[in-house]
Amino acid sequence: MPEREIIFEDLTKPQDKYRLKDYLRELYRLTDKRHITLDFSATPEIDCDQAESFDITMTSSITGVTIKNEFKGRVITLIFIQGGSGSYTVAFTTTVKRTAAAFVPTATVGAASIISFLYDGTVWREISRALDVR
C-alpha cells in the first residue's frame, strides 16, 4: 500500500471524513489487543474498539449483553465460562440475531460456550457457536 499524507484541511466532504475514520479504525485494529478478559457484570458492555474476542466468567446469569462501537463487517467472539455453581444463562439485546431461538450456555462449571457475530450495518448476526468447550 503506498504511503499517503493526510492533510486535515483536505477533508471537506463527508465521505472524506468517513474514509479517515476507516483508516484510523484499521490503524487501531493493528495495535489493539485481540483478546481481553472482562470482569463479570450482569449487563456487560462489549466495546468492539477494545478487542475482537472477549471472555467472561459468569458468577450469575447475564441479563443483557450490550455491544458498542460496531461497524459494518466487524466480527466479534464472546466466550462465556460457567463459574460459581454453573447453569447461568445469557440474554442479548434486540440488536443481536441468533440462529436459534436462544443461546443456552453449557451448564457445567468450568466449561465455555462460544458465540461469534458479524455486524451487517444494522444488527449483529450469529455466524457460529460452540458449546461445552473444555
N, C-alpha and C. Protein backbone atom coordinates (compact mmCIF):
# COMPACT_ATOMS: atom_id res chain seq x y z
N MET A 1 0.86 -1.17 0.00
CA MET A 1 0.00 0.00 0.00
C MET A 1 0.91 1.24 0.00
N PRO A 2 0.70 2.15 -0.91
CA PRO A 2 1.54 3.35 -0.95
C PRO A 2 1.27 4.25 0.25
N GLU A 3 2.32 4.95 0.66
CA GLU A 3 2.15 5.89 1.76
C GLU A 3 1.32 7.07 1.29
N ARG A 4 0.53 7.60 2.22
CA ARG A 4 -0.32 8.73 1.90
C ARG A 4 -0.24 9.73 3.01
N GLU A 5 -0.14 10.95 2.64
CA GLU A 5 -0.16 12.00 3.64
C GLU A 5 -1.60 12.51 3.73
N ILE A 6 -2.10 12.53 4.94
CA ILE A 6 -3.46 13.02 5.14
C ILE A 6 -3.38 14.43 5.69
N ILE A 7 -3.96 15.35 4.96
CA ILE A 7 -3.98 16.75 5.38
C ILE A 7 -5.41 17.07 5.78
N PHE A 8 -5.59 17.44 7.05
CA PHE A 8 -6.92 17.62 7.59
C PHE A 8 -7.72 18.71 6.87
N GLU A 9 -7.07 19.70 6.33
CA GLU A 9 -7.80 20.74 5.61
C GLU A 9 -8.43 20.20 4.33
N ASP A 10 -7.89 19.09 3.81
CA ASP A 10 -8.42 18.49 2.59
C ASP A 10 -9.69 17.69 2.85
N LEU A 11 -10.04 17.51 4.10
CA LEU A 11 -11.21 16.71 4.45
C LEU A 11 -12.45 17.59 4.47
N THR A 12 -12.91 17.93 3.29
CA THR A 12 -14.03 18.87 3.17
C THR A 12 -15.37 18.17 2.95
N LYS A 13 -15.34 17.00 2.34
CA LYS A 13 -16.58 16.28 2.05
C LYS A 13 -16.83 15.24 3.14
N PRO A 14 -18.10 14.96 3.45
CA PRO A 14 -18.40 13.96 4.49
C PRO A 14 -17.73 12.61 4.22
N GLN A 15 -17.71 12.17 2.95
CA GLN A 15 -17.11 10.88 2.65
C GLN A 15 -15.61 10.86 2.96
N ASP A 16 -14.94 12.02 2.89
CA ASP A 16 -13.53 12.08 3.25
C ASP A 16 -13.35 11.80 4.74
N LYS A 17 -14.26 12.32 5.54
CA LYS A 17 -14.17 12.11 6.99
C LYS A 17 -14.44 10.65 7.33
N TYR A 18 -15.38 10.02 6.62
CA TYR A 18 -15.64 8.61 6.87
C TYR A 18 -14.44 7.75 6.45
N ARG A 19 -13.80 8.12 5.37
CA ARG A 19 -12.62 7.39 4.92
C ARG A 19 -11.50 7.51 5.96
N LEU A 20 -11.32 8.71 6.53
CA LEU A 20 -10.33 8.91 7.58
C LEU A 20 -10.67 8.05 8.80
N LYS A 21 -11.95 7.99 9.13
CA LYS A 21 -12.39 7.17 10.26
C LYS A 21 -12.03 5.70 10.01
N ASP A 22 -12.23 5.22 8.76
CA ASP A 22 -11.86 3.84 8.43
C ASP A 22 -10.36 3.62 8.55
N TYR A 23 -9.55 4.58 8.11
CA TYR A 23 -8.09 4.46 8.25
C TYR A 23 -7.70 4.38 9.72
N LEU A 24 -8.32 5.22 10.53
CA LEU A 24 -7.99 5.23 11.96
C LEU A 24 -8.42 3.92 12.63
N ARG A 25 -9.59 3.42 12.26
CA ARG A 25 -10.03 2.12 12.82
C ARG A 25 -9.06 1.01 12.42
N GLU A 26 -8.61 1.00 11.18
CA GLU A 26 -7.68 -0.02 10.73
C GLU A 26 -6.36 0.10 11.49
N LEU A 27 -5.87 1.30 11.68
CA LEU A 27 -4.65 1.51 12.45
C LEU A 27 -4.84 1.01 13.88
N TYR A 28 -5.97 1.35 14.48
CA TYR A 28 -6.25 0.91 15.83
C TYR A 28 -6.35 -0.61 15.89
N ARG A 29 -6.98 -1.21 14.89
CA ARG A 29 -7.12 -2.67 14.85
C ARG A 29 -5.76 -3.35 14.86
N LEU A 30 -4.78 -2.76 14.19
CA LEU A 30 -3.45 -3.34 14.12
C LEU A 30 -2.69 -3.23 15.44
N THR A 31 -3.09 -2.30 16.29
CA THR A 31 -2.35 -2.07 17.53
C THR A 31 -3.10 -2.52 18.77
N ASP A 32 -4.37 -2.87 18.64
CA ASP A 32 -5.15 -3.18 19.83
C ASP A 32 -4.94 -4.61 20.30
N LYS A 33 -5.48 -4.90 21.46
CA LYS A 33 -5.47 -6.25 21.99
C LYS A 33 -6.49 -7.06 21.20
N ARG A 34 -6.13 -8.25 20.85
CA ARG A 34 -7.04 -9.12 20.10
C ARG A 34 -8.04 -9.81 21.00
N HIS A 35 -7.63 -10.09 22.25
CA HIS A 35 -8.49 -10.83 23.17
C HIS A 35 -8.33 -10.25 24.58
N ILE A 36 -9.46 -9.99 25.22
CA ILE A 36 -9.40 -9.50 26.60
C ILE A 36 -10.39 -10.26 27.47
N THR A 37 -10.11 -10.24 28.77
CA THR A 37 -11.00 -10.83 29.75
C THR A 37 -11.75 -9.71 30.43
N LEU A 38 -13.06 -9.83 30.48
CA LEU A 38 -13.90 -8.82 31.11
C LEU A 38 -14.25 -9.24 32.53
N ASP A 39 -14.38 -8.26 33.42
CA ASP A 39 -14.90 -8.51 34.75
C ASP A 39 -16.37 -8.87 34.62
N PHE A 40 -16.85 -9.73 35.51
CA PHE A 40 -18.24 -10.12 35.44
C PHE A 40 -19.17 -8.94 35.70
N SER A 41 -20.26 -8.91 34.94
CA SER A 41 -21.35 -7.97 35.13
C SER A 41 -22.61 -8.66 34.61
N ALA A 42 -23.74 -8.43 35.26
CA ALA A 42 -24.99 -8.99 34.77
C ALA A 42 -25.42 -8.31 33.48
N THR A 43 -24.85 -7.13 33.21
CA THR A 43 -25.15 -6.39 31.97
C THR A 43 -23.84 -5.92 31.34
N PRO A 44 -23.01 -6.84 30.85
CA PRO A 44 -21.71 -6.43 30.31
C PRO A 44 -21.85 -5.59 29.04
N GLU A 45 -20.93 -4.66 28.89
CA GLU A 45 -20.87 -3.83 27.69
C GLU A 45 -19.62 -4.24 26.91
N ILE A 46 -19.84 -4.74 25.71
CA ILE A 46 -18.75 -5.20 24.86
C ILE A 46 -18.34 -4.02 23.97
N ASP A 47 -17.11 -3.56 24.14
CA ASP A 47 -16.60 -2.44 23.35
C ASP A 47 -15.72 -3.00 22.23
N CYS A 48 -16.23 -2.97 21.01
CA CYS A 48 -15.52 -3.53 19.86
C CYS A 48 -14.20 -2.84 19.57
N ASP A 49 -14.02 -1.63 20.07
CA ASP A 49 -12.75 -0.94 19.86
C ASP A 49 -11.66 -1.44 20.81
N GLN A 50 -12.03 -2.30 21.77
CA GLN A 50 -11.03 -2.83 22.71
C GLN A 50 -10.41 -4.14 22.25
N ALA A 51 -11.17 -4.98 21.56
CA ALA A 51 -10.67 -6.29 21.14
C ALA A 51 -11.62 -6.91 20.13
N GLU A 52 -11.25 -8.11 19.67
CA GLU A 52 -12.10 -8.87 18.76
C GLU A 52 -12.74 -10.06 19.46
N SER A 53 -12.12 -10.51 20.55
CA SER A 53 -12.74 -11.59 21.32
C SER A 53 -12.68 -11.24 22.80
N PHE A 54 -13.70 -11.70 23.50
CA PHE A 54 -13.89 -11.34 24.90
C PHE A 54 -14.28 -12.57 25.68
N ASP A 55 -13.69 -12.77 26.86
CA ASP A 55 -14.21 -13.84 27.70
C ASP A 55 -14.64 -13.27 29.03
N ILE A 56 -15.64 -13.93 29.58
CA ILE A 56 -16.21 -13.50 30.86
C ILE A 56 -16.60 -14.75 31.63
N THR A 57 -16.17 -14.82 32.89
CA THR A 57 -16.56 -15.93 33.75
C THR A 57 -17.82 -15.51 34.48
N MET A 58 -18.87 -16.28 34.26
CA MET A 58 -20.18 -15.95 34.83
C MET A 58 -20.28 -16.43 36.27
N THR A 59 -20.70 -15.52 37.14
CA THR A 59 -20.94 -15.88 38.54
C THR A 59 -22.43 -15.76 38.87
N SER A 60 -23.20 -15.36 37.89
CA SER A 60 -24.67 -15.38 37.92
C SER A 60 -25.12 -15.19 36.47
N SER A 61 -26.41 -15.18 36.24
CA SER A 61 -26.92 -15.05 34.87
C SER A 61 -26.66 -13.64 34.33
N ILE A 62 -26.49 -13.56 33.03
CA ILE A 62 -26.29 -12.28 32.34
C ILE A 62 -27.64 -11.90 31.74
N THR A 63 -28.15 -10.75 32.12
CA THR A 63 -29.50 -10.34 31.72
C THR A 63 -29.54 -9.47 30.47
N GLY A 64 -28.40 -9.01 30.01
CA GLY A 64 -28.40 -8.19 28.79
C GLY A 64 -27.00 -7.80 28.37
N VAL A 65 -26.54 -8.35 27.24
CA VAL A 65 -25.24 -8.01 26.68
C VAL A 65 -25.44 -6.86 25.72
N THR A 66 -24.69 -5.78 25.91
CA THR A 66 -24.73 -4.62 25.01
C THR A 66 -23.42 -4.56 24.24
N ILE A 67 -23.50 -4.29 22.94
CA ILE A 67 -22.31 -4.19 22.10
C ILE A 67 -22.24 -2.78 21.53
N LYS A 68 -21.07 -2.14 21.68
CA LYS A 68 -20.92 -0.77 21.17
C LYS A 68 -19.68 -0.65 20.28
N ASN A 69 -19.63 0.45 19.54
CA ASN A 69 -18.54 0.76 18.60
C ASN A 69 -18.44 -0.25 17.47
N GLU A 70 -19.59 -0.67 16.98
CA GLU A 70 -19.63 -1.59 15.86
C GLU A 70 -19.48 -0.83 14.54
N PHE A 71 -19.05 -1.56 13.52
CA PHE A 71 -19.10 -1.03 12.16
C PHE A 71 -19.30 -2.20 11.22
N LYS A 72 -19.84 -1.92 10.07
CA LYS A 72 -20.21 -2.95 9.11
C LYS A 72 -19.00 -3.84 8.79
N GLY A 73 -19.20 -5.14 8.92
CA GLY A 73 -18.14 -6.09 8.63
C GLY A 73 -17.37 -6.55 9.86
N ARG A 74 -17.58 -5.92 10.99
CA ARG A 74 -16.88 -6.29 12.23
C ARG A 74 -17.33 -7.66 12.70
N VAL A 75 -16.38 -8.49 13.12
CA VAL A 75 -16.67 -9.81 13.68
C VAL A 75 -16.13 -9.84 15.11
N ILE A 76 -16.96 -10.32 16.03
CA ILE A 76 -16.52 -10.47 17.41
C ILE A 76 -16.87 -11.87 17.90
N THR A 77 -16.13 -12.31 18.89
CA THR A 77 -16.38 -13.61 19.52
C THR A 77 -16.50 -13.40 21.02
N LEU A 78 -17.55 -13.99 21.59
CA LEU A 78 -17.80 -13.90 23.02
C LEU A 78 -17.67 -15.29 23.62
N ILE A 79 -16.89 -15.39 24.69
CA ILE A 79 -16.65 -16.67 25.37
C ILE A 79 -17.21 -16.55 26.78
N PHE A 80 -18.22 -17.35 27.07
CA PHE A 80 -18.85 -17.35 28.39
C PHE A 80 -18.42 -18.61 29.13
N ILE A 81 -17.76 -18.43 30.27
CA ILE A 81 -17.27 -19.55 31.07
C ILE A 81 -18.15 -19.67 32.31
N GLN A 82 -18.66 -20.87 32.56
CA GLN A 82 -19.51 -21.08 33.73
C GLN A 82 -18.64 -21.09 34.99
N GLY A 83 -18.92 -20.19 35.89
CA GLY A 83 -18.24 -20.14 37.17
C GLY A 83 -19.23 -20.44 38.28
N GLY A 84 -18.81 -20.21 39.50
CA GLY A 84 -19.72 -20.39 40.63
C GLY A 84 -20.35 -21.76 40.65
N SER A 85 -21.67 -21.82 40.69
CA SER A 85 -22.38 -23.10 40.72
C SER A 85 -22.85 -23.55 39.34
N GLY A 86 -22.58 -22.75 38.31
CA GLY A 86 -22.94 -23.13 36.94
C GLY A 86 -24.42 -22.93 36.64
N SER A 87 -24.82 -23.36 35.47
CA SER A 87 -26.20 -23.26 34.98
C SER A 87 -26.70 -21.83 34.80
N TYR A 88 -25.77 -20.88 34.60
CA TYR A 88 -26.17 -19.49 34.38
C TYR A 88 -26.56 -19.29 32.91
N THR A 89 -27.42 -18.31 32.67
CA THR A 89 -27.92 -18.05 31.32
C THR A 89 -27.40 -16.71 30.80
N VAL A 90 -27.59 -16.49 29.50
CA VAL A 90 -27.15 -15.26 28.84
C VAL A 90 -28.29 -14.73 27.98
N ALA A 91 -28.58 -13.44 28.11
CA ALA A 91 -29.58 -12.78 27.26
C ALA A 91 -28.90 -11.64 26.51
N PHE A 92 -29.32 -11.42 25.27
CA PHE A 92 -28.77 -10.36 24.42
C PHE A 92 -29.83 -9.30 24.16
N THR A 93 -29.38 -8.12 23.74
CA THR A 93 -30.31 -7.07 23.35
C THR A 93 -30.93 -7.44 21.99
N THR A 94 -31.91 -6.69 21.56
CA THR A 94 -32.61 -6.98 20.30
C THR A 94 -31.77 -6.71 19.06
N THR A 95 -30.60 -6.09 19.20
CA THR A 95 -29.74 -5.85 18.03
C THR A 95 -28.86 -7.06 17.72
N VAL A 96 -29.08 -8.15 18.44
CA VAL A 96 -28.33 -9.38 18.23
C VAL A 96 -29.29 -10.46 17.73
N LYS A 97 -29.02 -10.98 16.54
CA LYS A 97 -29.87 -12.01 15.94
C LYS A 97 -29.12 -13.34 15.97
N ARG A 98 -29.74 -14.35 16.57
CA ARG A 98 -29.13 -15.66 16.70
C ARG A 98 -29.74 -16.64 15.71
N THR A 99 -29.02 -17.75 15.45
CA THR A 99 -29.53 -18.74 14.52
C THR A 99 -30.57 -19.64 15.17
N ALA A 100 -30.61 -19.67 16.47
CA ALA A 100 -31.61 -20.45 17.20
C ALA A 100 -32.41 -19.49 18.07
N ALA A 101 -33.49 -19.99 18.63
CA ALA A 101 -34.35 -19.13 19.44
C ALA A 101 -33.64 -18.54 20.63
N ALA A 102 -32.68 -19.26 21.19
CA ALA A 102 -31.98 -18.76 22.37
C ALA A 102 -30.56 -19.31 22.37
N PHE A 103 -29.68 -18.59 23.01
CA PHE A 103 -28.32 -19.06 23.24
C PHE A 103 -28.30 -19.59 24.66
N VAL A 104 -28.18 -20.90 24.79
CA VAL A 104 -28.18 -21.53 26.11
C VAL A 104 -26.77 -22.06 26.38
N PRO A 105 -26.02 -21.36 27.23
CA PRO A 105 -24.66 -21.81 27.51
C PRO A 105 -24.64 -23.16 28.22
N THR A 106 -23.57 -23.89 28.03
CA THR A 106 -23.35 -25.14 28.74
C THR A 106 -23.44 -24.89 30.23
N ALA A 107 -24.11 -25.77 30.96
CA ALA A 107 -24.35 -25.57 32.40
C ALA A 107 -23.18 -26.00 33.28
N THR A 108 -22.24 -26.76 32.76
CA THR A 108 -21.14 -27.32 33.55
C THR A 108 -20.14 -26.26 33.99
N VAL A 109 -19.84 -26.25 35.29
CA VAL A 109 -18.85 -25.30 35.84
C VAL A 109 -17.51 -25.53 35.15
N GLY A 110 -16.89 -24.46 34.72
CA GLY A 110 -15.59 -24.52 34.05
C GLY A 110 -15.67 -24.66 32.54
N ALA A 111 -16.82 -25.06 32.02
CA ALA A 111 -16.97 -25.22 30.57
C ALA A 111 -17.25 -23.86 29.92
N ALA A 112 -16.84 -23.73 28.66
CA ALA A 112 -17.05 -22.48 27.93
C ALA A 112 -18.08 -22.67 26.84
N SER A 113 -18.82 -21.61 26.59
CA SER A 113 -19.76 -21.54 25.47
C SER A 113 -19.32 -20.33 24.65
N ILE A 114 -19.13 -20.55 23.35
CA ILE A 114 -18.53 -19.54 22.48
C ILE A 114 -19.51 -19.19 21.38
N ILE A 115 -19.69 -17.89 21.13
CA ILE A 115 -20.60 -17.44 20.08
C ILE A 115 -19.94 -16.27 19.33
N SER A 116 -20.03 -16.30 18.01
CA SER A 116 -19.44 -15.24 17.17
C SER A 116 -20.52 -14.55 16.37
N PHE A 117 -20.30 -13.25 16.14
CA PHE A 117 -21.27 -12.43 15.42
C PHE A 117 -20.57 -11.58 14.36
N LEU A 118 -21.32 -11.26 13.31
CA LEU A 118 -20.89 -10.33 12.26
C LEU A 118 -21.87 -9.17 12.26
N TYR A 119 -21.36 -7.94 12.24
CA TYR A 119 -22.25 -6.77 12.20
C TYR A 119 -22.51 -6.43 10.73
N ASP A 120 -23.78 -6.38 10.35
CA ASP A 120 -24.15 -6.13 8.94
C ASP A 120 -24.48 -4.67 8.64
N GLY A 121 -24.25 -3.80 9.60
CA GLY A 121 -24.56 -2.39 9.43
C GLY A 121 -25.83 -1.99 10.17
N THR A 122 -26.61 -2.98 10.58
CA THR A 122 -27.85 -2.73 11.31
C THR A 122 -27.93 -3.58 12.58
N VAL A 123 -27.66 -4.86 12.44
CA VAL A 123 -27.73 -5.79 13.57
C VAL A 123 -26.52 -6.71 13.57
N TRP A 124 -26.29 -7.35 14.71
CA TRP A 124 -25.29 -8.40 14.83
C TRP A 124 -25.95 -9.72 14.46
N ARG A 125 -25.31 -10.50 13.56
CA ARG A 125 -25.86 -11.78 13.14
C ARG A 125 -24.90 -12.89 13.57
N GLU A 126 -25.48 -13.90 14.21
CA GLU A 126 -24.66 -15.03 14.65
C GLU A 126 -24.06 -15.74 13.44
N ILE A 127 -22.77 -16.05 13.53
CA ILE A 127 -22.13 -16.80 12.46
C ILE A 127 -21.62 -18.16 12.94
N SER A 128 -21.46 -18.34 14.26
CA SER A 128 -21.07 -19.65 14.77
C SER A 128 -21.28 -19.72 16.28
N ARG A 129 -21.34 -20.94 16.77
CA ARG A 129 -21.36 -21.17 18.21
C ARG A 129 -20.78 -22.54 18.51
N ALA A 130 -20.18 -22.65 19.68
CA ALA A 130 -19.64 -23.91 20.16
C ALA A 130 -19.99 -24.01 21.64
N LEU A 131 -20.52 -25.15 22.04
CA LEU A 131 -20.93 -25.35 23.43
C LEU A 131 -20.10 -26.44 24.08
N ASP A 132 -20.01 -26.38 25.40
CA ASP A 132 -19.32 -27.39 26.20
C ASP A 132 -17.84 -27.53 25.81
N VAL A 133 -17.18 -26.40 25.61
CA VAL A 133 -15.76 -26.41 25.28
C VAL A 133 -14.98 -26.47 26.59
N ARG A 134 -14.09 -27.47 26.71
CA ARG A 134 -13.33 -27.67 27.96
C ARG A 134 -11.85 -27.71 27.70
